[in-house]
Amino acid sequence: MPAKNRFTRLDAFTKTVEDARIRTTSGGIVTIASLLIVFYLVWGEWSDYRRVTVHPELIVDKGRGERMEIHLNISFPRIPCELLTLDVMDVSGEQQTGVKDGLRKVQLAPVSAGSAPLQITALNLHAEEEASHLSPDYCGNCYGAPSPPTASKPGCCNTCEEVREAYASVSWAFGRGENVEQCEREHYSEKLDAQRGQGCRIEGGFRVNKVIGNFHIAPGRSFSNGAMHVHDLNNYLDTPDGNPHTFTHQIHHLRFGPQVPESVTRSLGTKSMPWTNHHLNPLDGTEQVTNDPAFNYMYFVKVVSTSYLPLGWQAKGSSLVGGNELVDDVLPVGSHGRGEDGSLETHQYSVTSHKRSLSGESDAAEGHKERLHARGGIPGVFFSYDISPMKVINREERSKTFAGFLTGVCAVIGGTLTVAAAIDRGVFEGATRLKKLHQR
């Protein structure tokens, strides 16, 4: 048997001759409708293939020796910038006292004047003034304290700031600098009085070790007294105008790591419940008000490492900025965690809060008479953060592969034509039977 005849016997799609085919009006209508349906469904398959979804994964965070950035923007309308100090400490024993690098202060007008911004400067709470009119051989007295290592002239305290550092190194309170020649020359007490009634906004970022720790904003310069971390509260509690300082504050923004783009947050949510950055940074917009100078606010934060990997990230590989301790120290604050390929290493967090008066009062005002607070402590705003051992990876993926797209197109065409053929056959048979009934 010729090879052609062998393939002919295998033909599963038998044909009819043209003379045996019947074309009807209903068949034409069904054909047009089926073609329109095929085009619509194929377009839907193409749109589904082109759609990018975010697939979340939960893994154990295996990173070691990493650092993370903390970015904040907090307003204190009832305490001047001159009195605010930001300190960081963690369980590894590292301490950063009087953090200045990467932060800015914004002096705010008094609350009665609307708390409008007055001045923006780098966060140097006690800026030095060059005493250019003094003799080059001048060596200021440190008043019994050792000269600080950052002194402009070794063994001397030529500015008020250097005297303050010298006092802090031996855990001495400083106060307003009365009878200190350098501070009187720089009019330190007059500047302090000029800022009374003003507010302050601290904004910017800083780096910390990715371990359990805390950072706090408290009044006065900090120093260590034995095993205790204390602050010089003299200028904070000394209010000769009768208008006490308080830690009323508003957290405009607080995040751990780079800001997540809005395009990414939109893809994380649904149409009925879209996500925003507030889902990742729940303290944004928090406001606390108190009239008690001796009041303490504590926020307990649980930080979860989070990665955002763009479409095709596996093919292109990863080139994240940061992640190495030596590199982190060189990079400017704000550049950590951003990959050249669009990937992002950041953190989201959950938070609980607690507040108490340092005088040890009960919570009777809030309906809890049985709840008593411990006496003592430092007024201020404290953030204690803990690092979760888990990590969330949000990976962009196609909703289906190209092979899945082709399979869907074939299913659409075959299914539509099969249903259309069945409908056309039913209409034709029905019309034929009606015609026979009318002919009887």
Protein backbone atom coordinates (compact mmCIF):
# COMPACT_ATOMS: atom_id res chain seq x y z
CA MET A 1 0.00 0.00 0.00
CA PRO A 2 1.43 3.43 -0.94
CA ALA A 3 2.54 5.63 1.95
CA LYS A 4 -0.04 8.25 0.98
CA ASN A 5 -2.87 5.77 1.43
CA ARG A 6 -1.54 4.75 4.85
CA PHE A 7 -1.80 8.37 6.11
CA THR A 8 -5.24 8.67 4.49
CA ARG A 9 -6.53 5.81 6.66
CA LEU A 10 -5.28 7.67 9.78
CA ASP A 11 -7.23 10.86 8.98
CA ALA A 12 -9.52 11.57 11.99
CA PHE A 13 -11.00 14.65 10.31
CA THR A 14 -13.19 13.25 7.51
CA LYS A 15 -14.47 15.75 4.97
CA THR A 16 -17.74 16.09 3.10
CA VAL A 17 -18.07 17.19 -0.46
CA GLU A 18 -19.17 20.73 -1.18
CA ASP A 19 -22.49 19.56 -2.63
CA ALA A 20 -23.39 17.85 0.66
CA ARG A 21 -22.95 21.04 2.72
CA ILE A 22 -25.91 23.21 3.64
CA ARG A 23 -25.43 26.86 4.54
CA THR A 24 -28.14 28.57 6.60
CA THR A 25 -28.79 32.09 7.90
CA SER A 26 -28.79 30.86 11.48
CA GLY A 27 -25.40 29.22 10.87
CA GLY A 28 -23.95 32.53 9.67
CA ILE A 29 -25.25 34.32 12.76
CA VAL A 30 -23.79 31.65 15.06
CA THR A 31 -20.46 31.85 13.20
CA ILE A 32 -20.19 35.64 13.61
CA ALA A 33 -21.17 35.40 17.27
CA SER A 34 -18.65 32.62 17.92
CA LEU A 35 -15.85 34.62 16.24
CA LEU A 36 -16.62 37.64 18.41
CA ILE A 37 -16.61 35.45 21.51
CA VAL A 38 -13.28 33.86 20.46
CA PHE A 39 -11.66 37.28 19.97
CA TYR A 40 -12.95 38.49 23.36
CA LEU A 41 -11.78 35.39 25.22
CA VAL A 42 -8.38 35.35 23.47
CA TRP A 43 -7.89 39.01 24.45
CA GLY A 44 -8.71 38.05 28.02
CA GLU A 45 -6.13 35.25 27.88
CA TRP A 46 -3.52 37.71 26.55
CA SER A 47 -4.30 40.24 29.28
CA ASP A 48 -4.07 37.52 31.90
CA TYR A 49 -0.73 36.41 30.47
CA ARG A 50 0.64 39.99 30.57
CA ARG A 51 -0.63 40.61 34.11
CA VAL A 52 2.07 40.69 36.80
CA THR A 53 1.14 39.50 40.28
CA VAL A 54 3.06 39.65 43.55
CA HIS A 55 3.59 36.23 45.10
CA PRO A 56 4.49 36.38 48.83
CA GLU A 57 6.81 33.82 50.40
CA LEU A 58 7.80 33.30 54.03
CA ILE A 59 11.29 32.02 54.80
CA VAL A 60 13.75 32.01 57.69
CA ASP A 61 15.96 35.12 57.63
CA LYS A 62 19.52 33.81 57.36
CA GLY A 63 21.24 37.20 57.19
CA ARG A 64 24.11 37.86 59.59
CA GLY A 65 26.03 40.98 60.53
CA GLU A 66 23.56 43.22 58.71
CA ARG A 67 22.63 46.81 59.43
CA MET A 68 19.37 48.61 58.77
CA GLU A 69 18.30 52.20 58.36
CA ILE A 70 15.69 53.95 60.47
CA HIS A 71 14.00 56.98 58.93
CA LEU A 72 11.83 59.27 61.03
CA ASN A 73 9.98 62.55 60.95
CA ILE A 74 8.63 63.51 64.39
CA SER A 75 7.39 66.88 65.66
CA PHE A 76 7.62 68.04 69.28
CA PRO A 77 5.60 71.29 69.48
CA ARG A 78 6.36 71.97 73.18
CA ILE A 79 10.10 71.41 73.48
CA PRO A 80 12.89 73.31 71.65
CA CYS A 81 15.54 71.66 69.50
CA GLU A 82 18.26 72.80 71.90
CA LEU A 83 17.03 70.31 74.49
CA LEU A 84 16.42 67.23 72.33
CA THR A 85 18.92 64.38 72.13
CA LEU A 86 18.60 61.16 70.12
CA ASP A 87 20.43 58.09 71.44
CA VAL A 88 20.66 54.53 70.10
CA MET A 89 21.70 51.37 71.93
CA ASP A 90 21.38 47.64 71.28
CA VAL A 91 22.01 44.26 72.90
CA SER A 92 25.43 43.97 71.25
CA GLY A 93 26.64 46.76 73.52
CA GLU A 94 26.93 49.42 70.83
CA GLN A 95 25.75 52.89 71.81
CA GLN A 96 25.28 55.99 69.71
CA THR A 97 24.76 59.03 71.91
CA GLY A 98 23.67 62.38 70.56
CA VAL A 99 23.18 61.10 67.00
CA LYS A 100 23.67 63.93 64.49
CA ASP A 101 24.80 62.46 61.16
CA GLY A 102 21.95 62.09 58.68
CA LEU A 103 19.46 64.05 60.80
CA ARG A 104 18.08 67.56 60.59
CA LYS A 105 16.26 69.75 63.06
CA VAL A 106 13.47 72.13 62.14
CA GLN A 107 12.75 74.83 64.69
CA LEU A 108 9.00 75.35 65.06
CA ALA A 109 7.19 78.46 66.18
CA PRO A 110 5.28 78.28 69.50
CA VAL A 111 1.96 76.43 69.50
CA SER A 112 0.15 79.76 69.91
CA ALA A 113 1.73 80.88 66.62
CA GLY A 114 0.74 77.76 64.72
CA SER A 115 3.99 75.74 65.07
CA ALA A 116 5.16 76.88 61.64
CA PRO A 117 8.75 75.96 60.64
CA LEU A 118 11.30 78.65 61.46
CA GLN A 119 14.70 77.28 60.48
CA ILE A 120 16.25 74.11 59.09
CA THR A 121 19.82 73.16 59.98
CA ALA A 122 21.92 70.05 60.33
CA LEU A 123 21.20 68.37 63.63
CA ASN A 124 24.00 69.82 65.75
CA LEU A 125 22.25 70.61 68.98
CA HIS A 126 25.11 72.71 70.37
CA ALA A 127 26.93 74.16 67.40
CA GLU A 128 30.43 75.44 68.02
CA GLU A 129 31.30 79.04 67.46
CA GLU A 130 34.84 79.82 66.46
CA ALA A 131 36.43 82.16 68.93
CA SER A 132 38.54 83.85 66.25
CA HIS A 133 39.19 86.93 68.38
CA LEU A 134 41.02 84.91 71.03
CA SER A 135 44.75 84.46 71.14
CA PRO A 136 46.09 81.44 69.20
CA ASP A 137 47.66 80.34 72.48
CA TYR A 138 44.32 80.42 74.30
CA CYS A 139 43.48 77.22 76.21
CA GLY A 140 40.06 77.19 77.83
CA ASN A 141 39.45 75.71 81.23
CA CYS A 142 37.55 72.40 81.43
CA TYR A 143 36.58 73.09 85.06
CA GLY A 144 37.92 69.88 86.55
CA ALA A 145 36.79 67.57 83.76
CA PRO A 146 39.15 65.97 81.19
CA SER A 147 39.32 67.56 77.76
CA PRO A 148 37.09 65.72 75.26
CA PRO A 149 38.82 63.77 72.47
CA THR A 150 37.03 65.94 69.89
CA ALA A 151 38.47 69.18 71.27
CA SER A 152 39.94 71.58 68.70
CA LYS A 153 43.05 71.89 70.87
CA PRO A 154 44.12 68.83 72.87
CA GLY A 155 43.87 69.33 76.61
CA CYS A 156 41.66 72.42 76.28
CA CYS A 157 37.97 73.33 76.20
CA ASN A 158 37.79 76.39 73.96
CA THR A 159 34.03 76.37 73.34
CA CYS A 160 30.89 75.86 75.38
CA GLU A 161 30.20 72.66 73.47
CA GLU A 162 33.59 71.25 74.44
CA VAL A 163 32.92 72.06 78.11
CA ARG A 164 29.56 70.26 77.84
CA GLU A 165 31.25 67.20 76.32
CA ALA A 166 33.86 67.25 79.07
CA TYR A 167 31.15 67.32 81.74
CA ALA A 168 29.25 64.47 80.04
CA SER A 169 32.38 62.32 79.93
CA VAL A 170 32.49 62.31 83.74
CA SER A 171 28.68 62.18 84.18
CA TRP A 172 28.33 65.72 85.51
CA ALA A 173 25.19 67.79 85.01
CA PHE A 174 25.85 71.05 83.16
CA GLY A 175 22.80 73.26 83.45
CA ARG A 176 22.73 76.70 81.82
CA GLY A 177 26.48 77.24 81.86
CA GLU A 178 26.57 79.96 84.48
CA ASN A 179 30.10 80.99 85.50
CA VAL A 180 31.51 79.09 82.53
CA GLU A 181 33.57 81.58 80.57
CA GLN A 182 33.12 79.90 77.19
CA CYS A 183 29.31 79.68 77.53
CA GLU A 184 29.00 83.26 78.74
CA ARG A 185 31.11 84.41 75.80
CA GLU A 186 28.85 82.52 73.37
CA HIS A 187 25.66 83.67 75.17
CA TYR A 188 24.53 80.07 75.60
CA SER A 189 21.95 80.81 78.31
CA GLU A 190 20.51 83.68 76.25
CA LYS A 191 20.11 81.37 73.23
CA LEU A 192 18.48 78.80 75.46
CA ASP A 193 15.98 81.35 76.75
CA ALA A 194 15.28 82.58 73.22
CA GLN A 195 14.12 79.11 72.20
CA ARG A 196 11.81 78.54 75.15
CA GLY A 197 8.28 78.10 73.92
CA GLN A 198 9.43 76.88 70.53
CA GLY A 199 8.94 73.39 69.13
CA CYS A 200 11.14 71.10 67.09
CA ARG A 201 10.82 68.59 64.29
CA ILE A 202 13.50 65.93 63.87
CA GLU A 203 13.74 64.33 60.46
CA GLY A 204 16.23 62.16 58.61
CA GLY A 205 17.74 58.72 59.10
CA PHE A 206 20.48 56.76 60.80
CA ARG A 207 21.87 53.22 60.76
CA VAL A 208 21.73 50.59 63.50
CA ASN A 209 22.79 46.99 63.88
CA LYS A 210 20.10 44.54 62.87
CA VAL A 211 19.70 43.20 66.40
CA ILE A 212 17.38 43.91 69.31
CA GLY A 213 17.78 47.50 70.44
CA ASN A 214 16.11 50.82 71.09
CA PHE A 215 16.40 54.47 70.22
CA HIS A 216 14.88 57.32 72.14
CA ILE A 217 14.44 61.06 72.00
CA ALA A 218 14.86 62.59 75.45
CA PRO A 219 15.79 65.99 76.90
CA GLY A 220 19.34 67.05 77.69
CA ARG A 221 22.71 65.52 76.98
CA SER A 222 23.00 61.84 77.87
CA PHE A 223 25.77 60.17 79.81
CA SER A 224 26.41 56.95 81.73
CA ASN A 225 26.25 56.86 85.50
CA GLY A 226 27.59 53.47 86.45
CA ALA A 227 25.43 50.97 84.57
CA MET A 228 22.62 53.49 84.07
CA HIS A 229 21.91 55.66 81.06
CA VAL A 230 20.76 59.08 82.27
CA HIS A 231 20.07 62.53 80.86
CA ASP A 232 20.78 66.01 82.17
CA LEU A 233 17.23 67.26 82.81
CA ASN A 234 18.09 70.60 84.45
CA ASN A 235 17.28 72.80 81.46
CA TYR A 236 14.21 70.72 80.59
CA LEU A 237 12.63 71.07 84.03
CA ASP A 238 13.78 74.68 84.53
CA THR A 239 11.02 76.80 82.99
CA PRO A 240 11.20 80.34 84.45
CA ASP A 241 8.35 81.54 82.23
CA GLY A 242 5.92 79.07 83.84
CA ASN A 243 5.26 77.27 80.54
CA PRO A 244 6.53 73.70 81.09
CA HIS A 245 8.04 71.58 78.37
CA THR A 246 6.16 68.38 77.51
CA PHE A 247 6.65 65.48 75.15
CA THR A 248 3.49 66.01 73.17
CA HIS A 249 4.49 64.68 69.76
CA GLN A 250 3.28 63.71 66.32
CA ILE A 251 4.92 60.93 64.30
CA HIS A 252 4.59 62.03 60.71
CA HIS A 253 6.62 59.12 59.44
CA LEU A 254 8.64 56.21 60.83
CA ARG A 255 10.00 53.39 58.71
CA PHE A 256 12.75 50.81 58.86
CA GLY A 257 14.52 50.74 55.51
CA PRO A 258 13.77 52.30 52.10
CA GLN A 259 10.33 53.58 51.19
CA VAL A 260 8.27 51.09 49.21
CA PRO A 261 7.08 52.56 45.86
CA GLU A 262 3.36 53.15 45.53
CA SER A 263 3.27 50.88 42.46
CA VAL A 264 4.40 47.99 44.67
CA THR A 265 1.96 48.68 47.50
CA ARG A 266 -0.93 48.84 45.03
CA SER A 267 -0.02 45.41 43.71
CA LEU A 268 -0.02 43.98 47.24
CA GLY A 269 -3.64 44.86 47.92
CA THR A 270 -6.92 44.15 46.22
CA LYS A 271 -9.38 46.37 44.39
CA SER A 272 -11.76 46.36 47.35
CA MET A 273 -8.98 46.89 49.92
CA PRO A 274 -5.87 48.50 48.38
CA TRP A 275 -2.68 48.64 50.39
CA THR A 276 -0.80 51.80 51.25
CA ASN A 277 2.50 52.43 53.03
CA HIS A 278 0.48 52.75 56.25
CA HIS A 279 0.09 48.96 56.18
CA LEU A 280 3.89 48.70 56.34
CA ASN A 281 4.47 51.70 58.66
CA PRO A 282 1.53 51.71 61.10
CA LEU A 283 2.91 54.54 63.28
CA ASP A 284 2.59 57.11 60.49
CA GLY A 285 0.23 59.88 61.59
CA THR A 286 0.28 58.92 65.30
CA GLU A 287 -0.25 61.84 67.70
CA GLN A 288 0.08 61.89 71.50
CA VAL A 289 -0.77 64.84 73.77
CA THR A 290 0.17 65.41 77.40
CA ASN A 291 0.44 68.35 79.78
CA ASP A 292 2.71 66.49 82.21
CA PRO A 293 6.45 67.29 81.84
CA ALA A 294 7.35 63.99 83.52
CA PHE A 295 5.72 61.69 81.00
CA ASN A 296 7.09 58.73 79.10
CA TYR A 297 5.92 57.19 75.81
CA MET A 298 7.10 53.74 74.75
CA TYR A 299 6.56 52.02 71.42
CA PHE A 300 7.38 48.32 71.12
CA VAL A 301 8.10 47.48 67.50
CA LYS A 302 8.40 44.05 65.87
CA VAL A 303 10.44 44.41 62.67
CA VAL A 304 10.06 41.91 59.82
CA SER A 305 12.58 41.86 56.97
CA THR A 306 10.86 42.24 53.61
CA SER A 307 12.19 41.88 50.06
CA TYR A 308 10.58 43.06 46.82
CA LEU A 309 11.93 41.29 43.74
CA PRO A 310 10.86 42.64 40.33
CA LEU A 311 9.85 40.56 37.33
CA GLY A 312 12.83 38.70 35.87
CA TRP A 313 14.96 39.23 38.98
CA GLN A 314 16.23 35.63 38.97
CA ALA A 315 17.42 35.93 35.40
CA LYS A 316 19.28 39.19 35.99
CA GLY A 317 20.62 38.34 39.44
CA SER A 318 20.81 40.60 42.46
CA SER A 319 22.93 43.70 42.97
CA LEU A 320 21.71 45.18 46.23
CA VAL A 321 23.27 48.32 47.62
CA GLY A 322 24.45 47.67 51.16
CA GLY A 323 24.27 44.50 53.20
CA ASN A 324 27.97 44.64 54.01
CA GLU A 325 29.07 46.35 57.20
CA LEU A 326 32.13 47.98 55.63
CA VAL A 327 30.14 49.20 52.63
CA ASP A 328 27.31 50.46 54.85
CA ASP A 329 29.66 52.78 56.71
CA VAL A 330 30.66 54.46 53.44
CA LEU A 331 27.28 54.76 51.73
CA PRO A 332 25.16 57.81 52.55
CA VAL A 333 22.03 57.28 54.62
CA GLY A 334 19.10 56.56 52.31
CA SER A 335 20.94 54.44 49.75
CA HIS A 336 20.88 51.18 51.70
CA GLY A 337 18.77 48.28 50.39
CA ARG A 338 18.13 49.51 46.83
CA GLY A 339 19.22 47.22 44.01
CA GLU A 340 20.32 48.37 40.58
CA ASP A 341 17.87 45.89 39.05
CA GLY A 342 14.91 47.37 40.94
CA SER A 343 14.98 44.95 43.87
CA LEU A 344 14.39 46.36 47.33
CA GLU A 345 15.39 45.19 50.82
CA THR A 346 13.34 46.91 53.50
CA HIS A 347 11.31 46.12 56.62
CA GLN A 348 7.73 46.26 57.77
CA TYR A 349 6.68 46.27 61.38
CA SER A 350 3.89 45.88 63.88
CA VAL A 351 3.71 47.99 67.04
CA THR A 352 2.15 48.21 70.47
CA SER A 353 2.45 51.28 72.68
CA HIS A 354 2.45 52.22 76.33
CA LYS A 355 2.52 55.53 78.17
CA ARG A 356 2.90 56.43 81.80
CA SER A 357 3.54 59.29 84.18
CA LEU A 358 6.91 59.17 85.91
CA SER A 359 5.24 60.16 89.19
CA GLY A 360 3.78 56.65 89.47
CA GLU A 361 0.10 57.50 89.21
CA SER A 362 -2.69 55.07 88.41
CA ASP A 363 -4.74 54.86 85.22
CA ALA A 364 -7.91 56.07 86.95
CA ALA A 365 -8.37 58.75 84.30
CA GLU A 366 -8.63 56.00 81.68
CA GLY A 367 -10.91 53.80 83.76
CA HIS A 368 -8.27 51.49 85.26
CA LYS A 369 -7.90 52.37 88.94
CA GLU A 370 -6.26 49.04 89.71
CA ARG A 371 -3.38 49.71 87.31
CA LEU A 372 -0.42 51.45 88.95
CA HIS A 373 2.72 52.70 87.21
CA ALA A 374 6.26 52.54 88.59
CA ARG A 375 7.86 55.77 89.72
CA GLY A 376 10.94 57.23 88.10
CA GLY A 377 12.47 57.12 84.66
CA ILE A 378 13.35 59.57 81.91
CA PRO A 379 10.74 61.68 80.12
CA GLY A 380 10.79 61.19 76.39
CA VAL A 381 9.72 59.01 73.49
CA PHE A 382 11.25 55.52 73.39
CA PHE A 383 11.18 53.00 70.55
CA SER A 384 12.19 49.42 71.41
CA TYR A 385 12.56 47.22 68.34
CA ASP A 386 12.88 43.47 68.05
CA ILE A 387 13.90 41.59 64.89
CA SER A 388 11.70 38.75 63.65
CA PRO A 389 13.53 35.54 62.60
CA MET A 390 11.24 35.29 59.58
CA LYS A 391 11.51 37.14 56.28
CA VAL A 392 8.82 37.99 53.73
CA ILE A 393 9.75 37.87 50.04
CA ASN A 394 7.32 39.51 47.63
CA ARG A 395 8.23 38.28 44.16
CA GLU A 396 6.69 39.62 40.95
CA GLU A 397 5.59 36.84 38.61
CA ARG A 398 3.53 36.34 35.48
CA SER A 399 0.12 34.94 36.29
CA LYS A 400 0.72 32.21 33.68
CA THR A 401 3.50 30.98 31.38
CA PHE A 402 3.55 31.37 27.60
CA ALA A 403 2.74 27.68 27.28
CA GLY A 404 -0.24 28.24 29.55
CA PHE A 405 -1.31 31.14 27.34
CA LEU A 406 -1.18 28.95 24.20
CA THR A 407 -3.10 26.21 26.00
CA GLY A 408 -5.75 28.71 27.01
CA VAL A 409 -6.07 30.05 23.46
CA CYS A 410 -6.50 26.53 22.04
CA ALA A 411 -9.08 25.74 24.70
CA VAL A 412 -10.98 28.95 23.92
CA ILE A 413 -11.05 28.33 20.18
CA GLY A 414 -11.90 24.62 20.44
CA GLY A 415 -14.48 25.05 23.15
CA THR A 416 -16.20 28.00 21.50
CA LEU A 417 -16.39 26.31 18.09
CA THR A 418 -17.64 23.07 19.66
CA VAL A 419 -20.42 24.86 21.53
CA ALA A 420 -21.23 26.93 18.42
CA ALA A 421 -21.48 23.75 16.30
CA ALA A 422 -23.83 22.19 18.85
CA ILE A 423 -26.02 25.31 18.90
CA ASP A 424 -26.06 25.52 15.10
CA ARG A 425 -26.96 21.81 14.84
CA GLY A 426 -29.78 22.23 17.32
CA VAL A 427 -31.18 25.27 15.52
CA PHE A 428 -30.95 23.51 12.14
CA GLU A 429 -32.65 20.33 13.40
CA GLY A 430 -35.38 22.35 15.06
CA ALA A 431 -36.03 24.39 11.92
CA THR A 432 -36.12 21.22 9.80
CA ARG A 433 -38.69 19.51 12.04
CA LEU A 434 -40.91 22.59 12.11
CA LYS A 435 -40.82 22.75 8.35
CA LYS A 436 -41.91 19.07 8.11
CA LEU A 437 -44.78 19.68 10.52
CA HIS A 438 -46.04 22.59 8.39
CA GLN A 439 -45.90 20.46 5.22
CA ARG A 440 -48.23 17.79 6.62
